[in-house]
Amino acid sequence: MSIELLYFAWVRERVGLDREEVDVPDGIEDVAALVGWLAARGGGWRQALGDLSRLRYAADEAFVGADHPLAGVRELAIFPPVTGG
């Protein structure tokens, strides 16, 4: 399964990309597992994605939790919490 990842704000800055397409390995079935796999790449991915509690997600433009299944997801956005002002 292939998923397009979109990175926003400081997540994008630390990863060094605004988007990438990844082939999800077998056994990665939800957002948390995917983010953990990405963080294991090290470097900017570990810095940006190492703490799930600091991140928010949108699967195909709908907000989801870290336990959301990846089956059928084509696009996953990863971003920090948004604050108003």
C-alpha atoms as a PDB file:
ATOM      1  CA  MET A   1       0.000   0.000   0.000  1.00  0.00           C
ATOM      2  CA  SER A   2       1.263   3.448  -0.910  1.00  0.00           C
ATOM      3  CA  ILE A   3       0.345   6.609   1.037  1.00  0.00           C
ATOM      4  CA  GLU A   4       1.169  10.228   0.322  1.00  0.00           C
ATOM      5  CA  LEU A   5       2.363  11.970   3.482  1.00  0.00           C
ATOM      6  CA  LEU A   6       1.997  15.717   3.956  1.00  0.00           C
ATOM      7  CA  TYR A   7       4.033  17.502   6.626  1.00  0.00           C
ATOM      8  CA  PHE A   8       3.124  20.920   8.063  1.00  0.00           C
ATOM      9  CA  ALA A   9       4.700  23.634  10.252  1.00  0.00           C
ATOM     10  CA  TRP A  10       7.628  22.519  12.441  1.00  0.00           C
ATOM     11  CA  VAL A  11       7.068  18.895  11.395  1.00  0.00           C
ATOM     12  CA  ARG A  12       7.906  19.916   7.813  1.00  0.00           C
ATOM     13  CA  GLU A  13      10.913  21.918   8.977  1.00  0.00           C
ATOM     14  CA  ARG A  14      12.403  19.031  10.971  1.00  0.00           C
ATOM     15  CA  VAL A  15      11.728  16.368   8.355  1.00  0.00           C
ATOM     16  CA  GLY A  16      12.998  18.631   5.572  1.00  0.00           C
ATOM     17  CA  LEU A  17      10.151  17.755   3.203  1.00  0.00           C
ATOM     18  CA  ASP A  18       6.648  19.048   2.677  1.00  0.00           C
ATOM     19  CA  ARG A  19       5.463  15.732   1.207  1.00  0.00           C
ATOM     20  CA  GLU A  20       6.587  12.259   0.271  1.00  0.00           C
ATOM     21  CA  GLU A  21       5.057   9.029  -0.923  1.00  0.00           C
ATOM     22  CA  VAL A  22       5.872   5.877   1.016  1.00  0.00           C
ATOM     23  CA  ASP A  23       5.187   2.207   0.505  1.00  0.00           C
ATOM     24  CA  VAL A  24       3.831   1.084   3.853  1.00  0.00           C
ATOM     25  CA  PRO A  25       5.467  -2.143   5.055  1.00  0.00           C
ATOM     26  CA  ASP A  26       3.346  -5.175   5.877  1.00  0.00           C
ATOM     27  CA  GLY A  27       2.175  -5.157   9.485  1.00  0.00           C
ATOM     28  CA  ILE A  28       1.764  -1.364   9.685  1.00  0.00           C
ATOM     29  CA  GLU A  29      -1.983  -1.090  10.139  1.00  0.00           C
ATOM     30  CA  ASP A  30      -2.729   2.238  11.853  1.00  0.00           C
ATOM     31  CA  VAL A  31      -1.483   5.822  12.010  1.00  0.00           C
ATOM     32  CA  ALA A  32       0.523   5.266  15.215  1.00  0.00           C
ATOM     33  CA  ALA A  33       2.412   2.320  13.724  1.00  0.00           C
ATOM     34  CA  LEU A  34       3.158   4.277  10.550  1.00  0.00           C
ATOM     35  CA  VAL A  35       4.423   7.296  12.485  1.00  0.00           C
ATOM     36  CA  GLY A  36       6.563   5.004  14.658  1.00  0.00           C
ATOM     37  CA  TRP A  37       8.031   3.388  11.546  1.00  0.00           C
ATOM     38  CA  LEU A  38       8.777   6.844  10.082  1.00  0.00           C
ATOM     39  CA  ALA A  39      10.399   8.030  13.337  1.00  0.00           C
ATOM     40  CA  ALA A  40      12.644   4.951  13.282  1.00  0.00           C
ATOM     41  CA  ARG A  41      14.272   6.385  10.149  1.00  0.00           C
ATOM     42  CA  GLY A  42      16.154   8.643  12.545  1.00  0.00           C
ATOM     43  CA  GLY A  43      17.344  12.210  12.001  1.00  0.00           C
ATOM     44  CA  GLY A  44      14.614  14.747  11.309  1.00  0.00           C
ATOM     45  CA  TRP A  45      11.897  12.094  11.305  1.00  0.00           C
ATOM     46  CA  ARG A  46      12.793  11.063  14.851  1.00  0.00           C
ATOM     47  CA  GLN A  47      12.891  14.705  15.978  1.00  0.00           C
ATOM     48  CA  ALA A  48       9.541  15.520  14.390  1.00  0.00           C
ATOM     49  CA  LEU A  49       7.619  12.286  14.913  1.00  0.00           C
ATOM     50  CA  GLY A  50       9.106  10.737  18.036  1.00  0.00           C
ATOM     51  CA  ASP A  51       6.347  11.952  20.372  1.00  0.00           C
ATOM     52  CA  LEU A  52       2.845  11.042  19.159  1.00  0.00           C
ATOM     53  CA  SER A  53       1.237  13.269  21.797  1.00  0.00           C
ATOM     54  CA  ARG A  54       2.654  16.351  20.040  1.00  0.00           C
ATOM     55  CA  LEU A  55       1.044  15.537  16.676  1.00  0.00           C
ATOM     56  CA  ARG A  56      -2.322  15.659  14.944  1.00  0.00           C
ATOM     57  CA  TYR A  57      -3.404  13.762  11.844  1.00  0.00           C
ATOM     58  CA  ALA A  58      -5.824  14.016   8.935  1.00  0.00           C
ATOM     59  CA  ALA A  59      -6.533  11.001   6.725  1.00  0.00           C
ATOM     60  CA  ASP A  60      -7.911  12.007   3.338  1.00  0.00           C
ATOM     61  CA  GLU A  61      -8.689  15.481   4.759  1.00  0.00           C
ATOM     62  CA  ALA A  62     -10.604  14.252   7.837  1.00  0.00           C
ATOM     63  CA  PHE A  63      -9.163  14.570  11.353  1.00  0.00           C
ATOM     64  CA  VAL A  64      -8.329  11.172  12.850  1.00  0.00           C
ATOM     65  CA  GLY A  65      -6.641   9.763  15.933  1.00  0.00           C
ATOM     66  CA  ALA A  66      -3.411   7.795  16.085  1.00  0.00           C
ATOM     67  CA  ASP A  67      -5.439   4.572  16.287  1.00  0.00           C
ATOM     68  CA  HIS A  68      -7.083   5.192  12.893  1.00  0.00           C
ATOM     69  CA  PRO A  69      -6.627   2.251  10.498  1.00  0.00           C
ATOM     70  CA  LEU A  70      -4.651   2.878   7.304  1.00  0.00           C
ATOM     71  CA  ALA A  71      -6.746   0.592   5.106  1.00  0.00           C
ATOM     72  CA  GLY A  72      -7.999   2.659   2.186  1.00  0.00           C
ATOM     73  CA  VAL A  73      -6.159   5.847   3.199  1.00  0.00           C
ATOM     74  CA  ARG A  74      -4.526   7.603   0.238  1.00  0.00           C
ATOM     75  CA  GLU A  75      -3.209  10.721   2.001  1.00  0.00           C
ATOM     76  CA  LEU A  76      -2.109  11.367   5.579  1.00  0.00           C
ATOM     77  CA  ALA A  77      -1.320  14.852   6.842  1.00  0.00           C
ATOM     78  CA  ILE A  78       0.839  15.174   9.954  1.00  0.00           C
ATOM     79  CA  PHE A  79       0.969  18.475  11.839  1.00  0.00           C
ATOM     80  CA  PRO A  80       1.317  20.004  15.296  1.00  0.00           C
ATOM     81  CA  PRO A  81      -1.774  21.070  17.238  1.00  0.00           C
ATOM     82  CA  VAL A  82      -3.244  24.287  15.891  1.00  0.00           C
ATOM     83  CA  THR A  83      -3.856  27.181  18.227  1.00  0.00           C
ATOM     84  CA  GLY A  84      -6.006  30.199  17.620  1.00  0.00           C
ATOM     85  CA  GLY A  85      -5.068  33.747  18.248  1.00  0.00           C
END
